[in-house]
Amino acid sequence: MSTDSNRTRLTVDELAARFRGEMIPVTNRFSYFSTVPIAEEDLRQYLNDPIAAVSPAITAAVPPIGILLVPYLERGNGKEGDSVSFERPAEARQIAASARELKDIVVLALAVRDLEIADYHYQFYNALAGVVAAHWPQEVQERFFRTIREELSAEVHGEVDEKSWHLKQALVRRQTNVRKETKLFREYARQAFEDTLTLYLHGTCCDIDVETGPRQMPSRYLRRRLELLIAIYPPPEGYAVLPEQLKAR
């Protein structure tokens, strides 16, 4: 289903409010509305396949999710939120996903134009990981914080992705006791959780390769994080993440 608009831009909030009642269920926890025409067979790649790979423990831990498939997204300027654009924004302002939490639903707006499906899957899972991090219970937070403290004590180099890498560098530069729970530590640990969970979810759905490079953390520590997330958020039946799980499946 799609809609025509006389405006070239609508805020995500406006679009969510306008079409919230018209969202189509995908599962009992996920629904969607598309502002762009997408063939029925292609919707499986955008919705059914990535949603099917999400751990039931995650869907139980977050509010219902409404997905808005839109052409483009433009970053907000502070006074108003991110906007849905029907024309390609300037590259510096273009974003791929925007999350808004309403009263009883979280809306994920996801851009689909000029985006490879593999990149769309990454953005979908990255946005979902952000929702999980916003709702993680104290027990999960403490378990992940403990893992981060062990890594910092061992002076483990690198991170999973760019955002957590930069926050880790800021923590190491500006805080003498890097294991102390300060605002800097919490910001870094939460971003590390989001980035690691994104990788975990993406790897559950798709056959992906972890990029190697000078900023990438050693594989044994990355594996420890993934094992922790597998224990907290087991993949759905029939899905696997680690090589030995794939062999045993």
Protein backbone atom coordinates (compact mmCIF):
# COMPACT_ATOMS: atom_id res chain seq x y z
CA MET A 1 0.00 0.00 0.00
CA SER A 2 1.25 3.46 -0.78
CA THR A 3 0.11 7.05 -0.52
CA ASP A 4 0.54 10.14 -2.65
CA SER A 5 1.45 13.39 -1.01
CA ASN A 6 1.16 16.97 -2.17
CA ARG A 7 4.09 17.81 0.07
CA THR A 8 7.66 16.82 -0.55
CA ARG A 9 8.33 16.43 3.19
CA LEU A 10 6.47 15.28 6.30
CA THR A 11 7.95 14.79 9.74
CA VAL A 12 8.14 11.22 10.94
CA ASP A 13 5.75 12.18 13.75
CA GLU A 14 3.22 13.55 11.26
CA LEU A 15 3.40 10.46 9.08
CA ALA A 16 3.20 8.10 12.06
CA ALA A 17 0.11 9.88 13.41
CA ARG A 18 -1.53 10.01 9.99
CA PHE A 19 -1.12 6.34 9.08
CA ARG A 20 -0.86 4.61 12.42
CA GLY A 21 -4.42 3.29 12.13
CA GLU A 22 -3.72 1.92 8.64
CA MET A 23 -0.68 -0.18 9.54
CA ILE A 24 -0.88 -3.75 8.27
CA PRO A 25 0.04 -6.56 10.69
CA VAL A 26 3.05 -8.71 9.80
CA THR A 27 3.08 -10.57 13.14
CA ASN A 28 1.31 -9.90 16.42
CA ARG A 29 4.16 -7.51 17.37
CA PHE A 30 5.15 -5.97 14.02
CA SER A 31 3.07 -3.97 11.57
CA TYR A 32 3.91 -1.72 8.62
CA PHE A 33 2.76 0.98 6.24
CA SER A 34 4.53 1.80 2.98
CA THR A 35 4.52 5.22 1.34
CA VAL A 36 6.21 3.78 -1.75
CA PRO A 37 4.95 1.06 -4.08
CA ILE A 38 6.68 -2.24 -3.30
CA ALA A 39 5.82 -5.48 -5.09
CA GLU A 40 4.20 -8.07 -2.86
CA GLU A 41 7.03 -10.54 -3.41
CA ASP A 42 9.61 -7.88 -2.49
CA LEU A 43 7.92 -7.15 0.84
CA ARG A 44 9.26 -10.47 2.11
CA GLN A 45 12.82 -9.11 1.88
CA TYR A 46 11.88 -5.85 3.59
CA LEU A 47 9.61 -7.27 6.29
CA ASN A 48 8.98 -10.99 6.63
CA ASP A 49 12.56 -12.25 6.39
CA PRO A 50 14.21 -9.77 8.80
CA ILE A 51 11.32 -9.94 11.28
CA ALA A 52 11.33 -13.75 11.30
CA ALA A 53 14.98 -13.72 12.43
CA VAL A 54 14.33 -11.57 15.52
CA SER A 55 14.63 -13.39 18.85
CA PRO A 56 11.26 -13.94 20.58
CA ALA A 57 12.95 -12.64 23.75
CA ILE A 58 13.48 -9.30 22.00
CA THR A 59 9.94 -8.97 20.71
CA ALA A 60 8.71 -9.71 24.24
CA ALA A 61 11.00 -7.05 25.74
CA VAL A 62 10.01 -4.06 23.59
CA PRO A 63 6.72 -2.32 22.73
CA PRO A 64 4.92 -3.22 19.49
CA ILE A 65 6.86 -2.03 16.45
CA GLY A 66 5.33 -0.13 13.53
CA ILE A 67 7.51 0.08 10.42
CA LEU A 68 7.14 2.96 7.97
CA LEU A 69 8.75 2.27 4.60
CA VAL A 70 9.55 5.66 3.06
CA PRO A 71 11.55 6.96 0.08
CA TYR A 72 14.13 9.07 1.95
CA LEU A 73 14.74 10.47 5.42
CA GLU A 74 16.26 13.83 6.31
CA ARG A 75 17.83 14.63 9.66
CA GLY A 76 15.90 17.12 11.79
CA ASN A 77 17.34 20.52 12.63
CA GLY A 78 16.62 20.40 16.36
CA LYS A 79 13.40 22.42 16.24
CA GLU A 80 11.51 19.71 14.40
CA GLY A 81 12.20 16.00 14.17
CA ASP A 82 13.48 13.94 11.28
CA SER A 83 11.48 14.25 8.06
CA VAL A 84 10.26 11.88 5.40
CA SER A 85 11.25 13.22 2.00
CA PHE A 86 9.91 12.18 -1.39
CA GLU A 87 12.96 13.73 -3.03
CA ARG A 88 16.55 12.83 -2.23
CA PRO A 89 17.95 15.16 0.48
CA ALA A 90 21.43 16.62 0.49
CA GLU A 91 23.91 13.88 1.35
CA ALA A 92 25.01 15.55 4.60
CA ARG A 93 21.42 15.51 5.90
CA GLN A 94 20.33 12.14 4.55
CA ILE A 95 19.77 9.35 7.09
CA ALA A 96 18.55 5.79 6.68
CA ALA A 97 16.39 5.27 9.78
CA SER A 98 14.52 7.21 12.44
CA ALA A 99 12.80 5.84 15.57
CA ARG A 100 9.93 7.52 17.40
CA GLU A 101 8.31 6.15 20.55
CA LEU A 102 4.60 6.92 20.81
CA LYS A 103 2.20 6.05 23.62
CA ASP A 104 1.94 2.31 22.97
CA ILE A 105 4.03 1.69 19.86
CA VAL A 106 7.54 2.40 18.57
CA VAL A 107 7.60 3.62 14.97
CA LEU A 108 10.67 2.84 12.88
CA ALA A 109 10.85 4.90 9.70
CA LEU A 110 13.16 3.22 7.21
CA ALA A 111 14.32 4.68 3.90
CA VAL A 112 14.25 2.28 0.96
CA ARG A 113 15.18 4.31 -2.13
CA ASP A 114 18.70 3.90 -3.52
CA LEU A 115 19.53 1.37 -0.77
CA GLU A 116 20.70 -2.20 -1.33
CA ILE A 117 18.65 -4.77 0.56
CA ALA A 118 21.70 -5.81 2.62
CA ASP A 119 22.15 -2.20 3.73
CA TYR A 120 18.43 -1.95 4.48
CA HIS A 121 18.69 -5.03 6.71
CA TYR A 122 21.57 -3.43 8.61
CA GLN A 123 19.58 -0.22 9.15
CA PHE A 124 16.51 -2.20 10.24
CA TYR A 125 18.46 -4.13 12.85
CA ASN A 126 20.42 -1.08 13.97
CA ALA A 127 17.17 0.81 14.59
CA LEU A 128 15.71 -2.19 16.41
CA ALA A 129 18.85 -2.53 18.55
CA GLY A 130 18.38 1.08 19.60
CA VAL A 131 14.83 0.29 20.74
CA VAL A 132 16.09 -2.73 22.72
CA ALA A 133 18.78 -0.56 24.38
CA ALA A 134 16.12 1.97 25.37
CA HIS A 135 14.17 -0.79 27.14
CA TRP A 136 16.90 -3.11 28.44
CA PRO A 137 16.20 -4.32 31.98
CA GLN A 138 18.68 -3.76 34.80
CA GLU A 139 19.83 -7.38 34.76
CA VAL A 140 20.76 -7.27 31.06
CA GLN A 141 22.47 -3.91 31.52
CA GLU A 142 24.54 -5.19 34.43
CA ARG A 143 25.62 -8.31 32.53
CA PHE A 144 26.77 -6.30 29.55
CA PHE A 145 28.44 -3.66 31.72
CA ARG A 146 30.37 -6.46 33.43
CA THR A 147 31.61 -7.69 30.05
CA ILE A 148 32.66 -4.16 29.05
CA ARG A 149 34.55 -3.68 32.32
CA GLU A 150 36.44 -6.94 31.75
CA GLU A 151 37.41 -5.77 28.27
CA LEU A 152 38.56 -2.39 29.55
CA SER A 153 40.62 -4.04 32.30
CA ALA A 154 42.28 -6.21 29.67
CA GLU A 155 42.86 -3.11 27.49
CA VAL A 156 41.10 -4.77 24.58
CA HIS A 157 41.65 -2.76 21.42
CA GLY A 158 38.94 -1.92 18.91
CA GLU A 159 35.17 -2.06 18.73
CA VAL A 160 32.32 -3.43 16.64
CA ASP A 161 31.40 -0.23 14.78
CA GLU A 162 32.30 3.42 14.35
CA LYS A 163 30.01 4.95 16.99
CA SER A 164 31.17 2.71 19.82
CA TRP A 165 34.80 3.07 18.67
CA HIS A 166 34.69 6.87 19.00
CA LEU A 167 32.95 6.72 22.40
CA LYS A 168 35.51 4.21 23.64
CA GLN A 169 38.35 6.50 22.58
CA ALA A 170 36.70 9.42 24.40
CA LEU A 171 36.32 7.31 27.56
CA VAL A 172 39.96 6.17 27.51
CA ARG A 173 41.23 9.71 26.88
CA ARG A 174 39.09 11.54 29.42
CA GLN A 175 38.60 9.11 32.30
CA THR A 176 41.39 7.72 34.46
CA ASN A 177 39.37 4.87 35.95
CA VAL A 178 37.68 3.61 32.78
CA ARG A 179 35.72 0.94 34.70
CA LYS A 180 33.91 3.49 36.88
CA GLU A 181 30.23 3.92 35.97
CA THR A 182 30.09 7.52 34.82
CA LYS A 183 28.05 9.18 32.11
CA LEU A 184 30.90 8.57 29.67
CA PHE A 185 31.06 4.89 30.61
CA ARG A 186 27.29 4.42 30.27
CA GLU A 187 27.20 6.17 26.88
CA TYR A 188 30.00 3.99 25.59
CA ALA A 189 28.62 0.75 27.03
CA ARG A 190 25.14 1.37 25.65
CA GLN A 191 26.51 2.14 22.18
CA ALA A 192 28.69 -0.97 22.33
CA PHE A 193 25.54 -2.95 23.20
CA GLU A 194 23.63 -1.44 20.26
CA ASP A 195 26.44 -2.07 17.80
CA THR A 196 27.00 -5.64 19.00
CA LEU A 197 23.27 -6.41 18.99
CA THR A 198 23.01 -5.01 15.45
CA LEU A 199 25.74 -7.39 14.34
CA TYR A 200 24.09 -10.28 16.17
CA LEU A 201 20.65 -9.66 14.65
CA HIS A 202 22.05 -9.05 11.16
CA GLY A 203 24.12 -12.23 11.43
CA THR A 204 21.06 -14.21 12.52
CA CYS A 205 19.15 -13.13 9.43
CA CYS A 206 21.83 -12.99 6.79
CA ASP A 207 25.17 -14.41 5.77
CA ILE A 208 27.48 -11.51 6.57
CA ASP A 209 31.21 -11.03 7.02
CA VAL A 210 32.73 -9.02 9.85
CA GLU A 211 34.99 -6.39 8.33
CA THR A 212 38.58 -6.62 9.47
CA GLY A 213 40.68 -3.54 10.11
CA PRO A 214 42.72 -1.65 12.70
CA ARG A 215 39.59 -0.61 14.61
CA GLN A 216 38.03 -4.07 14.77
CA MET A 217 38.13 -5.78 18.17
CA PRO A 218 39.80 -9.22 18.41
CA SER A 219 37.50 -12.04 17.37
CA ARG A 220 37.67 -13.87 20.73
CA TYR A 221 36.23 -10.85 22.55
CA LEU A 222 33.61 -10.28 19.89
CA ARG A 223 32.65 -13.93 20.23
CA ARG A 224 32.23 -13.51 24.01
CA ARG A 225 29.82 -10.65 23.43
CA LEU A 226 27.86 -12.65 20.88
CA GLU A 227 27.67 -15.64 23.22
CA LEU A 228 26.28 -13.35 25.92
CA LEU A 229 23.62 -12.00 23.57
CA ILE A 230 22.74 -15.52 22.43
CA ALA A 231 22.19 -16.46 26.07
CA ILE A 232 20.01 -13.39 26.72
CA TYR A 233 18.19 -13.30 23.38
CA PRO A 234 18.25 -16.83 21.90
CA PRO A 235 17.67 -16.87 18.13
CA PRO A 236 14.38 -18.25 16.82
CA GLU A 237 14.17 -21.98 16.17
CA GLY A 238 15.97 -22.85 12.95
CA TYR A 239 18.30 -19.83 13.06
CA ALA A 240 21.96 -19.73 14.05
CA VAL A 241 24.77 -17.21 14.42
CA LEU A 242 28.06 -18.91 15.29
CA PRO A 243 29.74 -21.43 12.94
CA GLU A 244 29.16 -24.44 15.19
CA GLN A 245 25.48 -23.55 15.45
CA LEU A 246 25.28 -23.53 11.67
CA LYS A 247 26.84 -26.99 11.51
CA ALA A 248 24.51 -28.35 14.16
CA ARG A 249 21.38 -26.85 12.59
